[in-house]
Amino acid sequence: MNKRILASFLSCIIILGAGAVGAVWVYVTVAKEGQQGPLLAAVDSVQTSQESKGGEAKANDVKSTSAQPDNDRGNDAKDQSSEKDLTVKEIIKQSQKKVFTVKTMDGLGSGFLFNRYGDLLTNAHVVEGYSDVTVTGLDKQEYAGTVIGIGASMDVAVIRVPGLAGKDPLPLETRNKAEVGDPVLALGSPHGLENTVTTGIISGLDREFELDQYVYSNLYQTSAPIAPGNSGGPLINSDTGKVVGINSAIMKQGTIGFSIPISQVAAMVEEWTGHQIDGTSNSTKTASAPNTASSAPASISKEEAEGLVIQYYLSLSVEDYVTAYSLLGSQWQKGTTYKQFREGYLNTQQVTVDYISALTGTGGKTEVSGLITAEERKNDVVSYRQYEVTYKIGYENGVLKMLKGSGKPLE
């Protein structure tokens, strides 16, 4: 059975507590109404927006339950910072301090602190189309965050929050694979209900399907109830206290959810952050937000700079606007929303790079110039037009970005 057929059979939907396709800001609704009625309406609105993306669900297809902590003292876990045995209830209490609600102008999701540099892991669909977000912790304090990495086909993103630098992260399970029967906790903000915890087990392994542009493989299946707003939250082994997965999708009916294994995203996240993803919190070193200039190489090679621009146009040619947008620098994104960016290229069918040349950059910046041919369609009429393009390339938080650009059509 191929992935697309399996996806149809599962009738999965992305847990869009947030999203860039008109999902309702559930948090605001909850804050204003403060009662259960609007919550159901908000769930319906979120699910309706999902239908426009190819999903099919109704409000009563998604259930959210706030589970009580397990009081059985026989279930102990080792905390990475204090090196003492903790009960499940204590694991929950400590973990909640490191789980955050991620808010955009369109909606909300969840995320969790995974290193001492103030970096949060979440789902790509939670922050899709945004470079700047707001995160809220257990103490209701708000922090400004910047998206420093986002997956094109993998539903994973990293948010850097300078205000959280130096704080102890959640420990991660990067070595051992979860097994069926392992007890787990799902933390997040389902339907805008912050700091919700549900319990269950790993009920299946190696699930695969595709949703929108995302490819999900080797997923953990869990019986812990998760719902819209849980996206990006951690799935924690309640025996060890370590994060085993990122809650990402649910089935249309029932309480079956799916999480991306932490071990699957380690390499990508290390590249984005410039730091190893070991998840330990027992370090005695004092961490601070990394300095952009110091984390960037002294020079940029011609191959790197030219490769970035070529990747940009290849992404546009296959209509992968998410990847293309993620290659832009933060200032460029601040002046152009993802929606505006995407709409600007809807009539562009194919882009061919005819010529490209980059200078060898110093100080973490360089310039790339080139000539491209764009195949454009308007009112069913196809035309070809050449453009002279120029881009300034540089590092942001250790990641190579297109900081600014311009194009001039040739007559």
Protein backbone atom coordinates (compact mmCIF):
# COMPACT_ATOMS: atom_id res chain seq x y z
CA MET A 1 0.00 0.00 0.00
CA ASN A 2 1.64 3.29 -1.04
CA LYS A 3 1.95 6.33 1.20
CA ARG A 4 -0.83 8.35 -0.40
CA ILE A 5 -3.33 5.48 -0.20
CA LEU A 6 -2.38 4.91 3.42
CA ALA A 7 -2.83 8.61 4.13
CA SER A 8 -6.31 8.49 2.64
CA PHE A 9 -7.13 5.37 4.65
CA LEU A 10 -5.95 6.92 7.89
CA SER A 11 -7.84 10.15 7.17
CA CYS A 12 -5.22 11.99 9.15
CA ILE A 13 -5.23 15.73 9.66
CA ILE A 14 -2.44 18.01 10.73
CA ILE A 15 -3.07 19.34 14.22
CA LEU A 16 -3.55 22.91 13.16
CA GLY A 17 -3.79 24.81 16.41
CA ALA A 18 -1.87 27.26 14.30
CA GLY A 19 -1.29 27.50 10.59
CA ALA A 20 -1.06 29.75 7.61
CA VAL A 21 -4.38 28.79 6.02
CA GLY A 22 -6.91 30.79 8.00
CA ALA A 23 -6.96 28.69 11.15
CA VAL A 24 -8.81 30.44 13.99
CA TRP A 25 -6.79 31.85 16.85
CA VAL A 26 -8.26 29.56 19.47
CA TYR A 27 -6.35 31.20 22.28
CA VAL A 28 -8.06 34.54 21.73
CA THR A 29 -11.48 32.89 21.64
CA VAL A 30 -10.82 31.12 24.93
CA ALA A 31 -9.48 34.27 26.54
CA LYS A 32 -12.49 36.32 25.48
CA GLU A 33 -15.24 33.82 26.15
CA GLY A 34 -13.82 31.80 29.03
CA GLN A 35 -16.31 28.98 28.59
CA GLN A 36 -16.81 25.71 26.78
CA GLY A 37 -19.32 26.84 24.13
CA PRO A 38 -16.96 28.96 22.03
CA LEU A 39 -14.34 26.24 22.30
CA LEU A 40 -16.49 23.84 20.31
CA ALA A 41 -17.16 26.51 17.72
CA ALA A 42 -13.47 27.30 17.52
CA VAL A 43 -12.65 23.63 17.00
CA ASP A 44 -15.19 23.51 14.21
CA SER A 45 -13.61 26.55 12.57
CA VAL A 46 -10.15 25.06 12.78
CA GLN A 47 -11.33 21.79 11.29
CA THR A 48 -13.21 23.61 8.55
CA SER A 49 -10.05 25.45 7.55
CA GLN A 50 -8.34 22.09 7.37
CA GLU A 51 -10.90 20.88 4.84
CA SER A 52 -9.69 23.57 2.49
CA LYS A 53 -6.27 21.89 2.62
CA GLY A 54 -7.60 18.51 1.67
CA GLY A 55 -8.42 17.22 5.15
CA GLU A 56 -11.91 16.19 6.15
CA ALA A 57 -13.05 16.41 9.75
CA LYS A 58 -15.87 17.59 11.96
CA ALA A 59 -15.77 19.15 15.40
CA ASN A 60 -16.89 15.97 17.11
CA ASP A 61 -14.24 13.97 15.27
CA VAL A 62 -11.56 15.48 17.50
CA LYS A 63 -11.60 14.88 21.23
CA SER A 64 -9.38 16.44 23.88
CA THR A 65 -9.01 15.06 27.38
CA SER A 66 -6.98 16.46 30.23
CA ALA A 67 -5.64 13.38 31.97
CA GLN A 68 -4.79 13.22 35.65
CA PRO A 69 -1.15 12.50 36.58
CA ASP A 70 -0.33 8.96 37.59
CA ASN A 71 0.15 8.87 41.36
CA ASP A 72 1.82 5.47 41.35
CA ARG A 73 5.18 5.97 43.07
CA GLY A 74 6.43 2.82 41.38
CA ASN A 75 6.79 4.79 38.14
CA ASP A 76 10.04 6.65 38.71
CA ALA A 77 12.18 8.66 36.30
CA LYS A 78 15.60 10.23 36.53
CA ASP A 79 15.74 14.00 36.20
CA GLN A 80 18.79 15.11 34.25
CA SER A 81 19.47 18.19 36.37
CA SER A 82 18.95 16.94 39.90
CA GLU A 83 19.90 13.27 39.45
CA LYS A 84 17.11 12.11 41.77
CA ASP A 85 14.17 9.81 41.19
CA LEU A 86 10.92 11.54 40.29
CA THR A 87 7.36 10.33 40.19
CA VAL A 88 5.25 10.79 37.07
CA LYS A 89 3.48 13.68 38.78
CA GLU A 90 6.81 15.38 39.44
CA ILE A 91 7.96 14.79 35.85
CA ILE A 92 4.82 16.53 34.65
CA LYS A 93 5.40 19.48 36.98
CA GLN A 94 8.98 19.97 35.81
CA SER A 95 8.19 19.39 32.14
CA GLN A 96 5.37 21.94 32.02
CA LYS A 97 7.88 24.70 32.79
CA LYS A 98 9.67 23.91 29.54
CA VAL A 99 6.64 23.67 27.23
CA PHE A 100 5.32 26.82 25.54
CA THR A 101 2.35 28.02 23.54
CA VAL A 102 3.49 29.33 20.14
CA LYS A 103 1.33 32.14 18.74
CA THR A 104 1.17 33.70 15.28
CA MET A 105 -1.36 36.13 13.85
CA ASP A 106 -3.31 33.17 12.45
CA GLY A 107 -3.39 30.75 15.35
CA LEU A 108 -1.42 28.81 17.89
CA GLY A 109 0.45 25.59 18.53
CA SER A 110 2.98 24.26 21.01
CA GLY A 111 6.74 23.99 21.33
CA PHE A 112 9.34 22.96 23.89
CA LEU A 113 12.79 24.06 25.01
CA PHE A 114 15.42 21.55 23.89
CA ASN A 115 18.77 23.27 24.52
CA ARG A 116 20.29 25.99 26.71
CA TYR A 117 20.49 28.49 23.86
CA GLY A 118 16.80 29.38 24.01
CA ASP A 119 15.73 27.17 21.09
CA LEU A 120 12.27 25.61 20.86
CA LEU A 121 11.24 22.64 18.71
CA THR A 122 7.82 22.78 17.06
CA ASN A 123 6.07 21.76 13.84
CA ALA A 124 6.70 23.57 10.57
CA HIS A 125 2.96 23.93 9.96
CA VAL A 126 2.63 25.86 13.24
CA VAL A 127 4.92 28.70 12.09
CA GLU A 128 4.54 28.35 8.32
CA GLY A 129 4.74 31.76 6.66
CA TYR A 130 6.13 33.54 9.74
CA SER A 131 9.60 34.59 10.83
CA ASP A 132 8.57 36.27 14.09
CA VAL A 133 6.33 34.60 16.68
CA THR A 134 5.34 34.99 20.32
CA VAL A 135 5.71 32.21 22.87
CA THR A 136 4.04 32.01 26.29
CA GLY A 137 5.19 29.90 29.20
CA LEU A 138 3.64 28.36 32.30
CA ASP A 139 4.03 31.68 34.15
CA LYS A 140 2.07 33.49 31.38
CA GLN A 141 5.15 35.55 30.48
CA GLU A 142 5.46 36.29 26.77
CA TYR A 143 8.70 36.10 24.81
CA ALA A 144 9.60 37.15 21.28
CA GLY A 145 10.93 34.37 19.05
CA THR A 146 12.42 34.07 15.57
CA VAL A 147 12.10 31.07 13.28
CA ILE A 148 15.70 30.06 12.45
CA GLY A 149 14.93 26.83 10.63
CA ILE A 150 11.93 25.22 8.97
CA GLY A 151 11.56 21.92 7.12
CA ALA A 152 10.39 21.77 3.52
CA SER A 153 9.10 18.20 3.57
CA MET A 154 9.69 17.35 7.23
CA ASP A 155 7.16 18.97 9.56
CA VAL A 156 9.73 20.42 11.95
CA ALA A 157 10.85 23.96 12.82
CA VAL A 158 13.11 25.67 15.36
CA ILE A 159 12.30 28.95 17.09
CA ARG A 160 15.07 30.92 18.79
CA VAL A 161 13.93 32.79 21.92
CA PRO A 162 16.77 34.88 23.40
CA GLY A 163 14.77 35.43 26.61
CA LEU A 164 14.94 31.68 27.34
CA ALA A 165 18.71 31.32 26.87
CA GLY A 166 20.38 29.71 29.85
CA LYS A 167 17.27 27.91 31.05
CA ASP A 168 17.26 24.13 31.52
CA PRO A 169 15.71 22.28 28.55
CA LEU A 170 13.75 19.05 28.41
CA PRO A 171 15.98 15.96 28.15
CA LEU A 172 15.74 14.23 24.78
CA GLU A 173 15.83 10.56 23.86
CA THR A 174 18.10 10.54 20.81
CA ARG A 175 19.53 7.03 21.06
CA ASN A 176 16.90 4.48 21.95
CA LYS A 177 13.78 3.87 19.88
CA ALA A 178 10.46 3.80 21.70
CA GLU A 179 8.68 0.44 21.95
CA VAL A 180 5.03 -0.49 21.82
CA GLY A 181 3.66 -0.33 25.36
CA ASP A 182 5.95 2.45 26.58
CA PRO A 183 3.94 4.85 28.79
CA VAL A 184 3.89 8.42 27.46
CA LEU A 185 2.66 11.93 28.28
CA ALA A 186 1.51 14.45 25.66
CA LEU A 187 1.95 18.10 26.68
CA GLY A 188 0.70 21.20 24.88
CA SER A 189 -2.19 23.59 24.34
CA PRO A 190 -5.07 21.66 22.72
CA HIS A 191 -7.87 24.05 21.70
CA GLY A 192 -5.94 26.85 23.44
CA LEU A 193 -6.05 25.10 26.83
CA GLU A 194 -2.48 25.77 27.90
CA ASN A 195 -0.43 23.32 30.00
CA THR A 196 -2.71 20.36 29.27
CA VAL A 197 -1.32 16.89 29.92
CA THR A 198 -2.77 13.64 28.59
CA THR A 199 -1.53 10.09 29.11
CA GLY A 200 -1.31 6.95 27.01
CA ILE A 201 1.14 4.50 25.52
CA ILE A 202 3.11 4.00 22.33
CA SER A 203 0.50 1.99 20.44
CA GLY A 204 2.27 1.55 17.10
CA LEU A 205 5.53 2.10 15.25
CA ASP A 206 6.80 3.07 11.79
CA ARG A 207 3.60 4.71 10.51
CA GLU A 208 3.93 6.53 7.16
CA PHE A 209 1.76 8.94 5.17
CA GLU A 210 1.81 12.33 3.41
CA LEU A 211 -0.17 15.45 4.28
CA ASP A 212 0.06 18.59 2.18
CA GLN A 213 3.76 19.13 1.41
CA TYR A 214 4.93 17.12 4.41
CA VAL A 215 6.18 13.55 4.33
CA TYR A 216 5.80 11.62 7.58
CA SER A 217 7.77 8.41 8.05
CA ASN A 218 8.70 6.04 10.90
CA LEU A 219 6.23 7.82 13.18
CA TYR A 220 5.29 6.79 16.69
CA GLN A 221 1.59 6.09 17.09
CA THR A 222 0.20 7.00 20.51
CA SER A 223 -3.04 6.56 22.42
CA ALA A 224 -2.41 9.73 24.45
CA PRO A 225 -5.20 12.12 23.34
CA ILE A 226 -3.88 15.05 21.29
CA ALA A 227 -5.88 17.69 19.43
CA PRO A 228 -5.58 20.97 17.48
CA GLY A 229 -3.14 23.15 19.41
CA ASN A 230 -0.98 20.20 20.51
CA SER A 231 1.09 20.52 17.34
CA GLY A 232 4.77 20.84 18.17
CA GLY A 233 4.37 19.74 21.78
CA PRO A 234 6.52 16.98 23.29
CA LEU A 235 5.66 13.32 23.69
CA ILE A 236 7.47 12.27 26.88
CA ASN A 237 8.28 8.79 28.15
CA SER A 238 6.81 8.86 31.66
CA ASP A 239 9.33 6.27 32.88
CA THR A 240 12.43 8.23 31.85
CA GLY A 241 11.16 11.80 31.64
CA LYS A 242 12.76 12.18 28.19
CA VAL A 243 11.11 13.54 25.05
CA VAL A 244 10.72 10.77 22.48
CA GLY A 245 8.71 12.62 19.83
CA ILE A 246 7.07 15.78 18.50
CA ASN A 247 3.25 15.56 18.41
CA SER A 248 2.26 16.29 14.82
CA ALA A 249 -0.90 14.65 13.46
CA ILE A 250 -4.11 12.88 14.48
CA MET A 251 -6.61 10.55 12.90
CA LYS A 252 -9.98 11.83 11.81
CA GLN A 253 -11.76 9.69 14.39
CA GLY A 254 -10.80 8.28 17.76
CA THR A 255 -7.84 9.25 19.94
CA ILE A 256 -4.94 8.03 17.86
CA GLY A 257 -2.12 10.48 17.35
CA PHE A 258 1.27 10.47 15.64
CA SER A 259 4.62 11.88 16.72
CA ILE A 260 7.88 12.46 14.84
CA PRO A 261 10.75 10.65 16.63
CA ILE A 262 13.36 13.01 18.09
CA SER A 263 16.17 10.91 16.62
CA GLN A 264 14.77 11.60 13.15
CA VAL A 265 15.21 15.38 13.38
CA ALA A 266 18.54 15.58 15.22
CA ALA A 267 20.82 16.20 12.21
CA MET A 268 18.56 18.86 10.70
CA VAL A 269 18.16 20.70 14.00
CA GLU A 270 21.90 20.65 14.70
CA GLU A 271 22.50 22.29 11.32
CA TRP A 272 19.96 25.04 12.02
CA THR A 273 21.15 25.82 15.54
CA GLY A 274 24.87 25.23 15.20
CA HIS A 275 24.78 23.15 18.38
CA GLN A 276 24.53 19.46 19.13
CA ILE A 277 21.11 18.18 20.10
CA ASP A 278 21.87 16.09 23.17
CA GLY A 279 19.04 17.36 25.34
CA THR A 280 21.01 17.14 28.60
CA SER A 281 20.26 19.71 31.27
CA ASN A 282 22.95 18.90 33.83
CA SER A 283 25.62 21.18 32.37
CA THR A 284 27.26 23.57 34.85
CA LYS A 285 28.17 26.02 32.10
CA THR A 286 26.26 29.25 31.74
CA ALA A 287 24.73 29.55 28.30
CA SER A 288 23.64 32.69 26.51
CA ALA A 289 22.07 33.44 23.18
CA PRO A 290 24.64 32.78 20.46
CA ASN A 291 26.11 35.80 18.74
CA THR A 292 25.21 35.99 15.08
CA ALA A 293 28.55 37.33 13.93
CA SER A 294 30.65 34.91 15.95
CA SER A 295 28.61 31.91 14.81
CA ALA A 296 29.08 32.77 11.13
CA PRO A 297 32.13 31.65 9.14
CA ALA A 298 34.64 34.34 8.28
CA SER A 299 34.00 33.86 4.56
CA ILE A 300 31.39 32.50 2.17
CA SER A 301 32.56 30.42 -0.77
CA LYS A 302 31.30 31.07 -4.29
CA GLU A 303 29.80 27.57 -4.37
CA GLU A 304 27.79 28.15 -1.17
CA ALA A 305 26.42 31.51 -2.28
CA GLU A 306 25.55 30.36 -5.80
CA GLY A 307 24.09 27.13 -4.47
CA LEU A 308 21.70 29.03 -2.19
CA VAL A 309 20.31 31.10 -5.07
CA ILE A 310 19.99 28.02 -7.30
CA GLN A 311 18.14 26.20 -4.50
CA TYR A 312 15.81 29.19 -4.24
CA TYR A 313 14.83 29.03 -7.93
CA LEU A 314 14.60 25.23 -7.96
CA SER A 315 12.11 25.47 -5.07
CA LEU A 316 10.04 28.04 -6.95
CA SER A 317 10.03 25.86 -10.07
CA VAL A 318 8.44 22.95 -8.18
CA GLU A 319 6.06 25.29 -6.32
CA ASP A 320 7.78 24.64 -2.99
CA TYR A 321 7.12 28.18 -1.78
CA VAL A 322 7.70 27.24 1.88
CA THR A 323 11.32 26.29 1.25
CA ALA A 324 11.93 29.30 -1.00
CA TYR A 325 10.49 31.67 1.62
CA SER A 326 12.56 30.06 4.40
CA LEU A 327 15.75 30.99 2.49
CA LEU A 328 14.98 34.70 2.85
CA GLY A 329 16.51 36.74 5.66
CA SER A 330 14.44 37.98 8.59
CA GLN A 331 14.31 41.60 7.39
CA TRP A 332 13.14 40.51 3.94
CA GLN A 333 10.45 38.31 5.50
CA LYS A 334 9.41 41.14 7.80
CA GLY A 335 8.59 43.29 4.78
CA THR A 336 6.92 40.49 2.80
CA THR A 337 4.47 38.02 4.33
CA TYR A 338 4.44 34.41 3.15
CA LYS A 339 1.03 35.00 1.55
CA GLN A 340 2.33 37.96 -0.44
CA PHE A 341 5.45 36.05 -1.42
CA ARG A 342 3.49 33.04 -2.66
CA GLU A 343 0.95 35.14 -4.58
CA GLY A 344 3.81 36.91 -6.35
CA TYR A 345 4.93 33.64 -7.93
CA LEU A 346 1.63 31.92 -8.69
CA ASN A 347 1.87 32.86 -12.38
CA THR A 348 5.47 31.64 -12.62
CA GLN A 349 5.60 28.10 -14.02
CA GLN A 350 9.33 27.49 -14.32
CA VAL A 351 12.56 29.37 -13.65
CA THR A 352 15.81 28.60 -15.46
CA VAL A 353 19.11 29.98 -14.17
CA ASP A 354 20.99 30.99 -17.33
CA TYR A 355 24.01 32.51 -15.62
CA ILE A 356 25.12 33.01 -12.02
CA SER A 357 28.24 34.42 -10.42
CA ALA A 358 29.20 35.12 -6.81
CA LEU A 359 32.02 37.05 -5.24
CA THR A 360 34.05 35.40 -2.49
CA GLY A 361 32.53 37.04 0.54
CA THR A 362 34.26 38.22 3.69
CA GLY A 363 32.77 39.16 7.03
CA GLY A 364 29.95 36.69 6.55
CA LYS A 365 28.41 38.45 3.52
CA THR A 366 28.73 38.39 -0.26
CA GLU A 367 26.86 39.29 -3.46
CA VAL A 368 25.44 37.06 -6.19
CA SER A 369 24.36 38.27 -9.63
CA GLY A 370 22.81 36.32 -12.45
CA LEU A 371 20.46 36.02 -15.38
CA ILE A 372 17.25 33.96 -15.20
CA THR A 373 14.47 33.06 -17.62
CA ALA A 374 10.98 32.82 -16.15
CA GLU A 375 8.13 30.95 -17.81
CA GLU A 376 5.02 32.93 -16.91
CA ARG A 377 1.37 32.13 -17.52
CA LYS A 378 -1.39 34.72 -17.51
CA ASN A 379 -4.92 34.16 -18.84
CA ASP A 380 -3.74 30.84 -20.34
CA VAL A 381 -1.07 32.66 -22.33
CA VAL A 382 2.50 31.47 -21.73
CA SER A 383 5.39 33.90 -22.14
CA TYR A 384 9.11 33.83 -21.41
CA ARG A 385 10.95 36.74 -19.86
CA GLN A 386 14.54 37.28 -18.76
CA TYR A 387 15.59 39.09 -15.60
CA GLU A 388 18.90 40.37 -14.29
CA VAL A 389 18.96 39.52 -10.59
CA THR A 390 21.21 40.54 -7.72
CA TYR A 391 21.20 39.15 -4.18
CA LYS A 392 23.08 39.93 -1.01
CA ILE A 393 23.92 36.70 0.82
CA GLY A 394 24.85 36.48 4.49
CA TYR A 395 24.55 34.60 7.75
CA GLU A 396 21.77 34.90 10.31
CA ASN A 397 22.23 32.86 13.49
CA GLY A 398 24.78 30.73 11.70
CA VAL A 399 22.44 29.94 8.77
CA LEU A 400 23.14 31.20 5.23
CA LYS A 401 20.25 33.41 4.00
CA MET A 402 19.31 35.69 1.11
CA LEU A 403 19.29 39.04 2.91
CA LYS A 404 17.96 41.21 0.09
CA GLY A 405 17.46 41.03 -3.65
CA SER A 406 16.35 42.83 -6.75
CA GLY A 407 15.38 41.92 -10.31
CA LYS A 408 15.31 43.93 -13.51
CA PRO A 409 13.35 42.65 -16.54
CA LEU A 410 15.16 42.74 -19.88
CA GLU A 411 13.32 44.22 -22.84
